[in-house]
C-alpha atoms as a PDB file:
ATOM      1  CA  UNK A   1     163.154 102.891-181.228  1.00  0.00           C
ATOM      2  CA  UNK A   2     166.093 100.876-179.946  1.00  0.00           C
ATOM      3  CA  UNK A   3     166.769  97.284-180.885  1.00  0.00           C
ATOM      4  CA  UNK A   4     164.436  95.229-178.671  1.00  0.00           C
ATOM      5  CA  UNK A   5     166.004  91.967-177.536  1.00  0.00           C
ATOM      6  CA  UNK A   6     164.087  88.702-177.316  1.00  0.00           C
ATOM      7  CA  UNK A   7     164.509  87.549-173.717  1.00  0.00           C
ATOM      8  CA  UNK A   8     165.032  83.920-172.790  1.00  0.00           C
ATOM      9  CA  UNK A   9     163.724  84.133-169.202  1.00  0.00           C
ATOM     10  CA  UNK A  10     162.040  86.444-166.685  1.00  0.00           C
ATOM     11  CA  UNK A  11     165.340  87.402-165.062  1.00  0.00           C
ATOM     12  CA  UNK A  12     166.560  88.782-168.375  1.00  0.00           C
ATOM     13  CA  UNK A  13     163.330  90.759-168.826  1.00  0.00           C
ATOM     14  CA  UNK A  14     163.792  92.244-165.355  1.00  0.00           C
ATOM     15  CA  UNK A  15     167.405  93.201-166.111  1.00  0.00           C
ATOM     16  CA  UNK A  16     166.232  95.185-169.138  1.00  0.00           C
ATOM     17  CA  UNK A  17     163.438  96.832-167.125  1.00  0.00           C
ATOM     18  CA  UNK A  18     165.908  97.762-164.363  1.00  0.00           C
ATOM     19  CA  UNK A  19     168.263  99.270-166.966  1.00  0.00           C
ATOM     20  CA  UNK A  20     165.421 101.284-168.461  1.00  0.00           C
ATOM     21  CA  UNK A  21     164.237 102.444-165.017  1.00  0.00           C
ATOM     22  CA  UNK A  22     167.729 103.766-164.312  1.00  0.00           C
ATOM     23  CA  UNK A  23     167.794 105.609-167.651  1.00  0.00           C
ATOM     24  CA  UNK A  24     164.310 107.067-167.057  1.00  0.00           C
ATOM     25  CA  UNK A  25     165.356 108.320-163.630  1.00  0.00           C
ATOM     26  CA  UNK A  26     168.419 110.015-165.115  1.00  0.00           C
ATOM     27  CA  UNK A  27     166.179 111.738-167.674  1.00  0.00           C
ATOM     28  CA  UNK A  28     163.788 112.877-164.928  1.00  0.00           C
ATOM     29  CA  UNK A  29     166.724 114.302-163.002  1.00  0.00           C
ATOM     30  CA  UNK A  30     167.821 116.201-166.112  1.00  0.00           C
ATOM     31  CA  UNK A  31     164.281 117.480-166.669  1.00  0.00           C
ATOM     32  CA  UNK A  32     164.163 118.618-163.036  1.00  0.00           C
ATOM     33  CA  UNK A  33     167.281 120.747-163.547  1.00  0.00           C
ATOM     34  CA  UNK A  34     165.645 122.507-166.502  1.00  0.00           C
ATOM     35  CA  UNK A  35     162.385 123.035-164.596  1.00  0.00           C
ATOM     36  CA  UNK A  36     164.405 124.656-161.801  1.00  0.00           C
ATOM     37  CA  UNK A  37     165.954 126.985-164.363  1.00  0.00           C
ATOM     38  CA  UNK A  38     162.571 127.798-165.895  1.00  0.00           C
ATOM     39  CA  UNK A  39     161.398 129.296-162.610  1.00  0.00           C
ATOM     40  CA  UNK A  40     164.069 131.993-162.895  1.00  0.00           C
ATOM     41  CA  UNK A  41     162.516 133.206-166.173  1.00  0.00           C
ATOM     42  CA  UNK A  42     158.884 133.272-164.994  1.00  0.00           C
ATOM     43  CA  UNK A  43     156.663 135.196-162.705  1.00  0.00           C
ATOM     44  CA  UNK A  44     154.194 133.195-160.619  1.00  0.00           C
ATOM     45  CA  UNK A  45     151.326 133.703-163.084  1.00  0.00           C
ATOM     46  CA  UNK A  46     153.354 132.011-165.841  1.00  0.00           C
ATOM     47  CA  UNK A  47     153.912 128.735-164.006  1.00  0.00           C
ATOM     48  CA  UNK A  48     150.805 127.069-165.472  1.00  0.00           C
ATOM     49  CA  UNK A  49     150.661 127.452-169.250  1.00  0.00           C
ATOM     50  CA  UNK A  50     147.550 125.578-170.389  1.00  0.00           C
ATOM     51  CA  UNK A  51     148.391 126.038-174.073  1.00  0.00           C
ATOM     52  CA  UNK A  52     151.862 124.525-173.606  1.00  0.00           C
ATOM     53  CA  UNK A  53     150.453 121.653-171.545  1.00  0.00           C
ATOM     54  CA  UNK A  54     147.887 120.862-174.254  1.00  0.00           C
ATOM     55  CA  UNK A  55     150.636 120.969-176.884  1.00  0.00           C
ATOM     56  CA  UNK A  56     152.870 118.608-174.894  1.00  0.00           C
ATOM     57  CA  UNK A  57     150.016 116.150-174.285  1.00  0.00           C
ATOM     58  CA  UNK A  58     148.994 116.163-177.959  1.00  0.00           C
ATOM     59  CA  UNK A  59     152.603 115.603-179.063  1.00  0.00           C
ATOM     60  CA  UNK A  60     153.161 112.790-176.561  1.00  0.00           C
ATOM     61  CA  UNK A  61     149.917 111.052-177.583  1.00  0.00           C
ATOM     62  CA  UNK A  62     150.959 111.241-181.237  1.00  0.00           C
ATOM     63  CA  UNK A  63     154.461 109.941-180.438  1.00  0.00           C
ATOM     64  CA  UNK A  64     153.018 107.151-178.267  1.00  0.00           C
ATOM     65  CA  UNK A  65     150.714 106.039-181.064  1.00  0.00           C
ATOM     66  CA  UNK A  66     153.596 106.047-183.562  1.00  0.00           C
ATOM     67  CA  UNK A  67     155.636 103.834-181.225  1.00  0.00           C
ATOM     68  CA  UNK A  68     152.800 101.460-180.380  1.00  0.00           C
ATOM     69  CA  UNK A  69     152.428 102.592-176.774  1.00  0.00           C
ATOM     70  CA  UNK A  70     149.023 103.064-175.149  1.00  0.00           C
ATOM     71  CA  UNK A  71     148.163 106.742-175.665  1.00  0.00           C
ATOM     72  CA  UNK A  72     145.955 107.008-172.565  1.00  0.00           C
ATOM     73  CA  UNK A  73     148.698 105.582-170.359  1.00  0.00           C
ATOM     74  CA  UNK A  74     151.240 108.035-171.772  1.00  0.00           C
ATOM     75  CA  UNK A  75     148.851 110.948-171.299  1.00  0.00           C
ATOM     76  CA  UNK A  76     148.222 109.921-167.696  1.00  0.00           C
ATOM     77  CA  UNK A  77     151.937 109.645-166.977  1.00  0.00           C
ATOM     78  CA  UNK A  78     152.696 112.997-168.576  1.00  0.00           C
ATOM     79  CA  UNK A  79     149.826 114.786-166.836  1.00  0.00           C
ATOM     80  CA  UNK A  80     151.018 113.436-163.480  1.00  0.00           C
ATOM     81  CA  UNK A  81     154.593 114.456-164.247  1.00  0.00           C
ATOM     82  CA  UNK A  82     153.536 117.926-165.394  1.00  0.00           C
ATOM     83  CA  UNK A  83     151.366 118.400-162.286  1.00  0.00           C
ATOM     84  CA  UNK A  84     154.267 117.395-160.042  1.00  0.00           C
ATOM     85  CA  UNK A  85     156.677 119.711-161.843  1.00  0.00           C
ATOM     86  CA  UNK A  86     154.158 122.568-161.565  1.00  0.00           C
ATOM     87  CA  UNK A  87     153.993 121.919-157.811  1.00  0.00           C
ATOM     88  CA  UNK A  88     157.802 122.036-157.703  1.00  0.00           C
ATOM     89  CA  UNK A  89     157.820 125.335-159.615  1.00  0.00           C
ATOM     90  CA  UNK A  90     155.359 126.889-157.140  1.00  0.00           C
ATOM     91  CA  UNK A  91     157.470 125.640-154.250  1.00  0.00           C
ATOM     92  CA  UNK A  92     160.660 127.024-155.791  1.00  0.00           C
ATOM     93  CA  UNK A  93     159.004 130.303-156.757  1.00  0.00           C
ATOM     94  CA  UNK A  94     157.544 130.818-153.301  1.00  0.00           C
ATOM     95  CA  UNK A  95     160.868 129.885-151.700  1.00  0.00           C
ATOM     96  CA  UNK A  96     162.643 132.396-153.931  1.00  0.00           C
ATOM     97  CA  UNK A  97     160.154 135.074-152.828  1.00  0.00           C
ATOM     98  CA  UNK A  98     160.673 134.150-149.154  1.00  0.00           C
ATOM     99  CA  UNK A  99     164.458 134.422-149.488  1.00  0.00           C
ATOM    100  CA  UNK A 100     164.100 137.843-151.171  1.00  0.00           C
ATOM    101  CA  UNK A 101     161.876 139.076-148.334  1.00  0.00           C
ATOM    102  CA  UNK A 102     164.420 137.827-145.791  1.00  0.00           C
ATOM    103  CA  UNK A 103     167.052 140.086-147.332  1.00  0.00           C
ATOM    104  CA  UNK A 104     164.884 143.209-146.943  1.00  0.00           C
END
């Protein structure tokens, strides 16, 4: 974990939260690029991998506990993120199929 600063006022707290929000968004953008690549290696039936999802959730719960973060909150966030990325994969996969059919 990074060095957590003791804030002197609410404005300072908000500055740190804003900085973290920006960093989280950059990480989500990076994750999105990899999800887009993953679609090129899968067929439609491979988009949802329940075993991988369970593994990710278990790992994130364990990491959350180790860092003192509420495990249920982390699981909820990750499940929502995974669901949204699965929806993106279906959209990309179906769009890829549509563009292939257009070329025929």
